Amino acid sequence: MHFNIGLVAAALLVSASPAMSATFRFYNGADCQGGAFSVADNVPPRDCIFLPNGGSAKSIGYDGVSSEILFYLSGGPNDKCTNGAAAAAGGDSGCATAPAGFNFESAYWF
């Protein structure tokens, strides 16, 4: 059987694409309750996703994370996935709620 290498490579890339992106949903309520006020689709791995203009969320829901996700608190030195994560979770899908008195501003997955 003879295969066109370019066609096979393109097919593998297309079939792998959905597994290489994640979806994030930002909620005002704990435990991803109350309806998402912001959604980010097709976020590639090793990319910091954050709420602009000083926005923050009490909880973040996620789908399609292949390995691990890190969550960063809102405010000052932790904005945009910097200076150490406040929480971490395993891959696949789930919801993370910020500690009492705090909100999340960003997340980073790999």
C-alpha atoms as a PDB file:
ATOM      1  CA  MET A   1       0.000   0.000   0.000  1.00  0.00           C
ATOM      2  CA  HIS A   2       1.419   3.400  -1.007  1.00  0.00           C
ATOM      3  CA  PHE A   3       0.657   6.570   0.991  1.00  0.00           C
ATOM      4  CA  ASN A   4       1.244  10.186   0.169  1.00  0.00           C
ATOM      5  CA  ILE A   5       3.360  11.344   3.149  1.00  0.00           C
ATOM      6  CA  GLY A   6       2.048  14.928   2.959  1.00  0.00           C
ATOM      7  CA  LEU A   7      -1.558  13.742   2.992  1.00  0.00           C
ATOM      8  CA  VAL A   8      -0.944  11.427   5.949  1.00  0.00           C
ATOM      9  CA  ALA A   9       0.863  14.174   7.890  1.00  0.00           C
ATOM     10  CA  ALA A  10      -1.963  16.644   7.200  1.00  0.00           C
ATOM     11  CA  ALA A  11      -4.574  14.111   8.318  1.00  0.00           C
ATOM     12  CA  LEU A  12      -2.679  13.425  11.542  1.00  0.00           C
ATOM     13  CA  LEU A  13      -2.366  17.144  12.263  1.00  0.00           C
ATOM     14  CA  VAL A  14      -6.073  17.752  11.696  1.00  0.00           C
ATOM     15  CA  SER A  15      -7.102  14.767  13.816  1.00  0.00           C
ATOM     16  CA  ALA A  16      -4.782  15.872  16.646  1.00  0.00           C
ATOM     17  CA  SER A  17      -5.892  19.511  16.684  1.00  0.00           C
ATOM     18  CA  PRO A  18      -8.919  19.196  19.013  1.00  0.00           C
ATOM     19  CA  ALA A  19      -6.811  17.424  21.633  1.00  0.00           C
ATOM     20  CA  MET A  20      -4.294  20.258  21.556  1.00  0.00           C
ATOM     21  CA  SER A  21      -6.602  23.017  22.735  1.00  0.00           C
ATOM     22  CA  ALA A  22      -8.680  23.665  25.811  1.00  0.00           C
ATOM     23  CA  THR A  23     -11.776  25.637  26.721  1.00  0.00           C
ATOM     24  CA  PHE A  24     -11.986  27.856  29.794  1.00  0.00           C
ATOM     25  CA  ARG A  25     -15.139  29.281  31.406  1.00  0.00           C
ATOM     26  CA  PHE A  26     -15.009  32.041  34.013  1.00  0.00           C
ATOM     27  CA  TYR A  27     -17.697  32.254  36.734  1.00  0.00           C
ATOM     28  CA  ASN A  28     -18.632  34.788  39.396  1.00  0.00           C
ATOM     29  CA  GLY A  29     -19.802  31.994  41.699  1.00  0.00           C
ATOM     30  CA  ALA A  30     -17.877  29.227  43.448  1.00  0.00           C
ATOM     31  CA  ASP A  31     -17.903  25.708  41.984  1.00  0.00           C
ATOM     32  CA  CYS A  32     -18.618  27.057  38.479  1.00  0.00           C
ATOM     33  CA  GLN A  33     -22.146  28.098  39.397  1.00  0.00           C
ATOM     34  CA  GLY A  34     -24.288  30.930  38.070  1.00  0.00           C
ATOM     35  CA  GLY A  35     -23.448  30.834  34.373  1.00  0.00           C
ATOM     36  CA  ALA A  36     -20.146  31.674  32.721  1.00  0.00           C
ATOM     37  CA  PHE A  37     -19.567  35.374  32.092  1.00  0.00           C
ATOM     38  CA  SER A  38     -16.586  34.756  29.799  1.00  0.00           C
ATOM     39  CA  VAL A  39     -15.506  31.802  27.637  1.00  0.00           C
ATOM     40  CA  ALA A  40     -12.168  31.206  25.914  1.00  0.00           C
ATOM     41  CA  ASP A  41     -12.180  28.436  23.287  1.00  0.00           C
ATOM     42  CA  ASN A  42      -9.280  26.762  21.488  1.00  0.00           C
ATOM     43  CA  VAL A  43      -6.603  27.891  23.936  1.00  0.00           C
ATOM     44  CA  PRO A  44      -3.323  26.185  22.982  1.00  0.00           C
ATOM     45  CA  PRO A  45      -1.105  24.506  25.590  1.00  0.00           C
ATOM     46  CA  ARG A  46       1.570  26.587  27.294  1.00  0.00           C
ATOM     47  CA  ASP A  47      -0.512  29.711  26.825  1.00  0.00           C
ATOM     48  CA  CYS A  48      -1.626  31.958  29.684  1.00  0.00           C
ATOM     49  CA  ILE A  49      -5.338  32.734  29.501  1.00  0.00           C
ATOM     50  CA  PHE A  50      -6.417  35.759  31.528  1.00  0.00           C
ATOM     51  CA  LEU A  51      -9.269  38.190  31.970  1.00  0.00           C
ATOM     52  CA  PRO A  52      -8.454  41.649  30.595  1.00  0.00           C
ATOM     53  CA  ASN A  53      -8.975  45.009  32.288  1.00  0.00           C
ATOM     54  CA  GLY A  54      -8.451  43.730  35.809  1.00  0.00           C
ATOM     55  CA  GLY A  55     -11.221  41.152  35.546  1.00  0.00           C
ATOM     56  CA  SER A  56     -11.384  38.191  37.884  1.00  0.00           C
ATOM     57  CA  ALA A  57     -13.508  35.110  38.543  1.00  0.00           C
ATOM     58  CA  LYS A  58     -14.379  33.164  41.664  1.00  0.00           C
ATOM     59  CA  SER A  59     -14.069  29.908  39.741  1.00  0.00           C
ATOM     60  CA  ILE A  60     -12.774  28.636  36.409  1.00  0.00           C
ATOM     61  CA  GLY A  61     -14.123  25.614  34.553  1.00  0.00           C
ATOM     62  CA  TYR A  62     -11.976  23.841  32.000  1.00  0.00           C
ATOM     63  CA  ASP A  63     -12.217  21.125  29.342  1.00  0.00           C
ATOM     64  CA  GLY A  64      -9.586  19.512  27.142  1.00  0.00           C
ATOM     65  CA  VAL A  65      -6.562  19.971  29.400  1.00  0.00           C
ATOM     66  CA  SER A  66      -4.122  17.196  28.536  1.00  0.00           C
ATOM     67  CA  SER A  67      -1.878  17.163  31.598  1.00  0.00           C
ATOM     68  CA  GLU A  68      -2.076  19.856  34.281  1.00  0.00           C
ATOM     69  CA  ILE A  69      -3.539  23.306  34.820  1.00  0.00           C
ATOM     70  CA  LEU A  70      -2.301  26.067  37.126  1.00  0.00           C
ATOM     71  CA  PHE A  71      -4.502  28.860  38.519  1.00  0.00           C
ATOM     72  CA  TYR A  72      -3.267  32.328  39.508  1.00  0.00           C
ATOM     73  CA  LEU A  73      -4.878  34.800  41.891  1.00  0.00           C
ATOM     74  CA  SER A  74      -6.078  38.201  40.785  1.00  0.00           C
ATOM     75  CA  GLY A  75      -4.153  41.285  41.728  1.00  0.00           C
ATOM     76  CA  GLY A  76      -0.654  42.629  41.631  1.00  0.00           C
ATOM     77  CA  PRO A  77       2.209  40.184  41.305  1.00  0.00           C
ATOM     78  CA  ASN A  78       0.134  37.147  40.244  1.00  0.00           C
ATOM     79  CA  ASP A  79      -1.618  38.627  37.201  1.00  0.00           C
ATOM     80  CA  LYS A  80      -1.055  36.956  33.856  1.00  0.00           C
ATOM     81  CA  CYS A  81       0.320  33.672  35.216  1.00  0.00           C
ATOM     82  CA  THR A  82       3.240  35.086  37.181  1.00  0.00           C
ATOM     83  CA  ASN A  83       4.903  34.520  40.556  1.00  0.00           C
ATOM     84  CA  GLY A  84       3.544  31.119  41.472  1.00  0.00           C
ATOM     85  CA  ALA A  85       0.189  29.449  41.096  1.00  0.00           C
ATOM     86  CA  ALA A  86      -2.353  29.434  43.924  1.00  0.00           C
ATOM     87  CA  ALA A  87      -3.875  26.115  42.834  1.00  0.00           C
ATOM     88  CA  ALA A  88      -3.249  23.239  40.449  1.00  0.00           C
ATOM     89  CA  ALA A  89      -5.371  20.444  39.026  1.00  0.00           C
ATOM     90  CA  GLY A  90      -4.950  17.367  36.864  1.00  0.00           C
ATOM     91  CA  GLY A  91      -5.927  17.194  33.239  1.00  0.00           C
ATOM     92  CA  ASP A  92      -9.156  16.510  31.376  1.00  0.00           C
ATOM     93  CA  SER A  93     -12.001  18.664  32.717  1.00  0.00           C
ATOM     94  CA  GLY A  94     -13.103  20.186  35.981  1.00  0.00           C
ATOM     95  CA  CYS A  95     -13.649  23.316  38.014  1.00  0.00           C
ATOM     96  CA  ALA A  96     -11.370  25.209  40.388  1.00  0.00           C
ATOM     97  CA  THR A  97     -12.594  27.699  42.992  1.00  0.00           C
ATOM     98  CA  ALA A  98     -10.337  30.416  44.366  1.00  0.00           C
ATOM     99  CA  PRO A  99      -9.641  30.421  48.125  1.00  0.00           C
ATOM    100  CA  ALA A 100     -11.999  32.352  50.399  1.00  0.00           C
ATOM    101  CA  GLY A 101     -11.500  36.094  49.982  1.00  0.00           C
ATOM    102  CA  PHE A 102      -9.723  35.780  46.626  1.00  0.00           C
ATOM    103  CA  ASN A 103     -10.502  35.442  42.906  1.00  0.00           C
ATOM    104  CA  PHE A 104      -8.609  33.931  39.988  1.00  0.00           C
ATOM    105  CA  GLU A 105      -7.363  36.147  37.167  1.00  0.00           C
ATOM    106  CA  SER A 106      -5.502  33.683  34.939  1.00  0.00           C
ATOM    107  CA  ALA A 107      -4.673  30.060  34.193  1.00  0.00           C
ATOM    108  CA  TYR A 108      -1.883  28.196  32.391  1.00  0.00           C
ATOM    109  CA  TRP A 109      -2.132  24.645  31.088  1.00  0.00           C
ATOM    110  CA  PHE A 110       0.248  22.094  29.644  1.00  0.00           C
END
